[in-house]
Protein backbone atom coordinates (compact mmCIF):
# COMPACT_ATOMS: atom_id res chain seq x y z
CA MET A 1 -6.10 22.92 4.31
CA ASN A 2 -2.41 23.52 3.81
CA THR A 3 -0.58 21.53 6.46
CA ALA A 4 2.81 23.08 5.85
CA GLU A 5 2.96 24.08 9.50
CA ILE A 6 2.76 20.48 10.70
CA MET A 7 6.00 19.33 12.20
CA GLU A 8 7.15 15.85 13.21
CA PRO A 9 4.10 14.29 14.89
CA GLU A 10 4.23 13.16 18.47
CA LEU A 11 3.39 9.54 17.76
CA ALA A 12 3.85 8.57 21.38
CA ALA A 13 0.45 10.19 21.99
CA VAL A 14 -1.18 7.42 19.95
CA GLN A 15 -1.25 4.37 22.20
CA TYR A 16 -1.89 0.74 21.33
CA GLU A 17 -5.26 0.85 23.09
CA MET A 18 -6.41 3.61 20.76
CA VAL A 19 -8.12 2.23 17.70
CA ILE A 20 -7.74 4.25 14.51
CA GLN A 21 -10.88 4.12 12.39
CA LEU A 22 -10.54 4.34 8.60
CA PRO A 23 -14.22 4.25 7.55
CA LEU A 24 -13.33 4.06 3.84
CA GLY A 25 -10.41 1.66 4.35
CA LEU A 26 -7.20 1.97 2.36
CA LEU A 27 -6.73 1.46 -1.36
CA GLY A 28 -6.95 -2.29 -1.94
CA PHE A 29 -8.04 -2.89 1.66
CA GLU A 30 -11.39 -1.09 1.67
CA GLY A 31 -12.98 -3.75 3.93
CA ILE A 32 -10.49 -3.23 6.75
CA LYS A 33 -11.64 -0.32 8.93
CA LYS A 34 -9.79 -0.61 12.27
CA TYR A 35 -6.07 -0.22 12.87
CA VAL A 36 -3.61 0.45 15.65
CA LEU A 37 -0.36 2.37 15.30
CA LEU A 38 2.65 0.54 16.72
CA SER A 39 5.88 2.42 17.28
CA PRO A 40 8.67 0.07 18.36
CA PRO A 41 11.67 2.25 19.35
CA GLU A 42 14.05 0.08 17.34
CA ASP A 43 12.12 0.86 14.13
CA GLU A 44 12.24 4.68 14.41
CA PRO A 45 11.41 6.73 12.40
CA PHE A 46 9.15 4.01 11.01
CA HIS A 47 5.90 2.75 12.52
CA TRP A 48 3.45 -0.07 11.82
CA LEU A 49 -0.20 0.58 11.01
CA GLN A 50 -1.50 -2.82 12.03
CA MET A 51 -4.88 -4.18 11.04
CA LEU A 52 -6.93 -4.87 14.16
CA GLU A 53 -8.82 -7.71 12.46
CA ASP A 54 -5.58 -9.54 11.55
CA ASP A 55 -2.51 -8.86 13.65
CA ASN A 56 -0.33 -10.56 11.02
CA LEU A 57 -0.99 -7.75 8.52
CA ALA A 58 0.39 -4.23 8.83
CA PHE A 59 1.55 -1.33 6.70
CA LEU A 60 4.97 0.16 7.24
CA VAL A 61 4.44 3.93 7.58
CA VAL A 62 6.55 6.96 8.30
CA SER A 63 5.94 10.59 9.08
CA PRO A 64 6.84 12.39 5.85
CA PHE A 65 8.26 15.24 7.89
CA ALA A 66 10.93 12.91 9.29
CA VAL A 67 12.35 12.16 5.84
CA VAL A 68 11.28 14.89 3.38
CA SER A 69 12.15 18.31 4.77
CA ASP A 70 10.14 20.29 2.20
CA TYR A 71 6.94 18.18 2.18
CA GLN A 72 3.93 20.51 2.26
CA PRO A 73 0.77 18.43 1.86
CA ASP A 74 -2.31 20.39 0.84
CA ILE A 75 -5.26 18.41 2.17
CA PRO A 76 -8.39 19.09 0.09
CA ASP A 77 -11.03 21.06 2.00
CA GLU A 78 -13.63 18.29 1.63
CA ASP A 79 -11.23 15.81 3.27
CA ALA A 80 -10.43 18.25 6.09
CA VAL A 81 -14.18 18.66 6.71
CA TYR A 82 -14.75 14.88 6.55
CA LEU A 83 -12.00 14.34 9.13
CA GLY A 84 -13.08 17.26 11.31
CA LEU A 85 -9.70 19.00 11.06
CA GLU A 86 -9.97 22.51 12.42
CA SER A 87 -6.25 23.32 12.32
CA PRO A 88 -3.09 21.76 10.87
CA GLU A 89 -2.11 20.60 14.35
CA ASP A 90 -5.16 18.29 14.38
CA ALA A 91 -3.70 16.21 11.53
CA LEU A 92 -1.39 13.24 11.94
CA VAL A 93 0.07 12.56 8.48
CA LEU A 94 1.61 9.19 7.66
CA ASN A 95 2.86 7.82 4.37
CA ILE A 96 2.95 4.18 3.33
CA VAL A 97 6.41 2.75 2.69
CA THR A 98 6.96 0.10 0.03
CA LEU A 99 9.99 -2.15 0.34
CA ARG A 100 11.54 -2.89 -3.04
CA GLY A 101 14.06 -5.64 -2.50
CA LYS A 102 16.64 -5.74 0.25
CA GLN A 103 18.24 -2.37 -0.41
CA SER A 104 15.46 -0.13 -1.71
CA ALA A 105 12.34 1.48 -0.28
CA THR A 106 9.97 4.19 -1.48
CA MET A 107 7.07 6.08 0.02
CA ASN A 108 3.84 7.40 -1.45
CA LEU A 109 3.83 11.19 -1.10
CA LYS A 110 0.70 11.71 -3.26
CA GLY A 111 -1.73 9.76 -1.06
CA PRO A 112 -0.92 10.06 2.64
CA ILE A 113 -3.05 8.69 5.43
CA VAL A 114 -4.39 11.63 7.42
CA ILE A 115 -5.72 10.98 10.92
CA ASN A 116 -7.52 13.39 13.21
CA ARG A 117 -5.40 13.24 16.41
CA HIS A 118 -8.46 13.86 18.61
CA THR A 119 -11.06 11.55 17.09
CA LEU A 120 -8.66 8.96 15.59
CA ILE A 121 -10.73 8.97 12.39
CA GLY A 122 -8.57 8.77 9.31
CA LYS A 123 -8.63 8.64 5.56
CA GLN A 124 -6.17 8.08 2.75
CA VAL A 125 -6.35 11.30 0.76
CA ILE A 126 -5.13 12.47 -2.61
CA LEU A 127 -3.47 15.81 -2.00
CA ALA A 128 -4.66 18.94 -3.78
CA ASN A 129 -0.99 19.44 -4.70
CA ALA A 130 -0.38 15.78 -5.59
CA ALA A 131 1.22 16.83 -8.89
CA ASP A 132 4.14 18.17 -6.83
CA TYR A 133 4.95 14.70 -5.47
CA THR A 134 5.59 11.13 -6.54
CA LEU A 135 4.07 7.78 -5.69
CA HIS A 136 7.56 6.29 -5.33
CA HIS A 137 9.72 8.78 -3.44
CA PRO A 138 13.01 6.99 -2.69
CA LEU A 139 14.07 6.59 0.91
CA SER A 140 17.81 6.73 1.27
């Protein structure tokens, strides 16, 4: 499923009370299945994907469309089926940000977290067009 038509997601629609389920977990955190998306206004365009089981642990995430104007993730068909995505508008795409010292940050464009906006089931996917992107895209 080519999600090139996806624009900046309306993250306000995802409320704290809504639990995001990642049945397969995230790379390195496979045992953690439940998260909430926190969007403090002072952190925009960044958000926190907080582990429900431990509120001291969270991933800094960002909508790739907010920072990479030509990002066109091609979600593999098997992942779209797994997530129940019927159209690109069903997908909320977030990328994990890695802070590298005080002045540097990168984001993983190859393996975004894709969440079905309706079911709140998500999965970290490897894009069909992952070769077009980098694991360490600089944020400037």
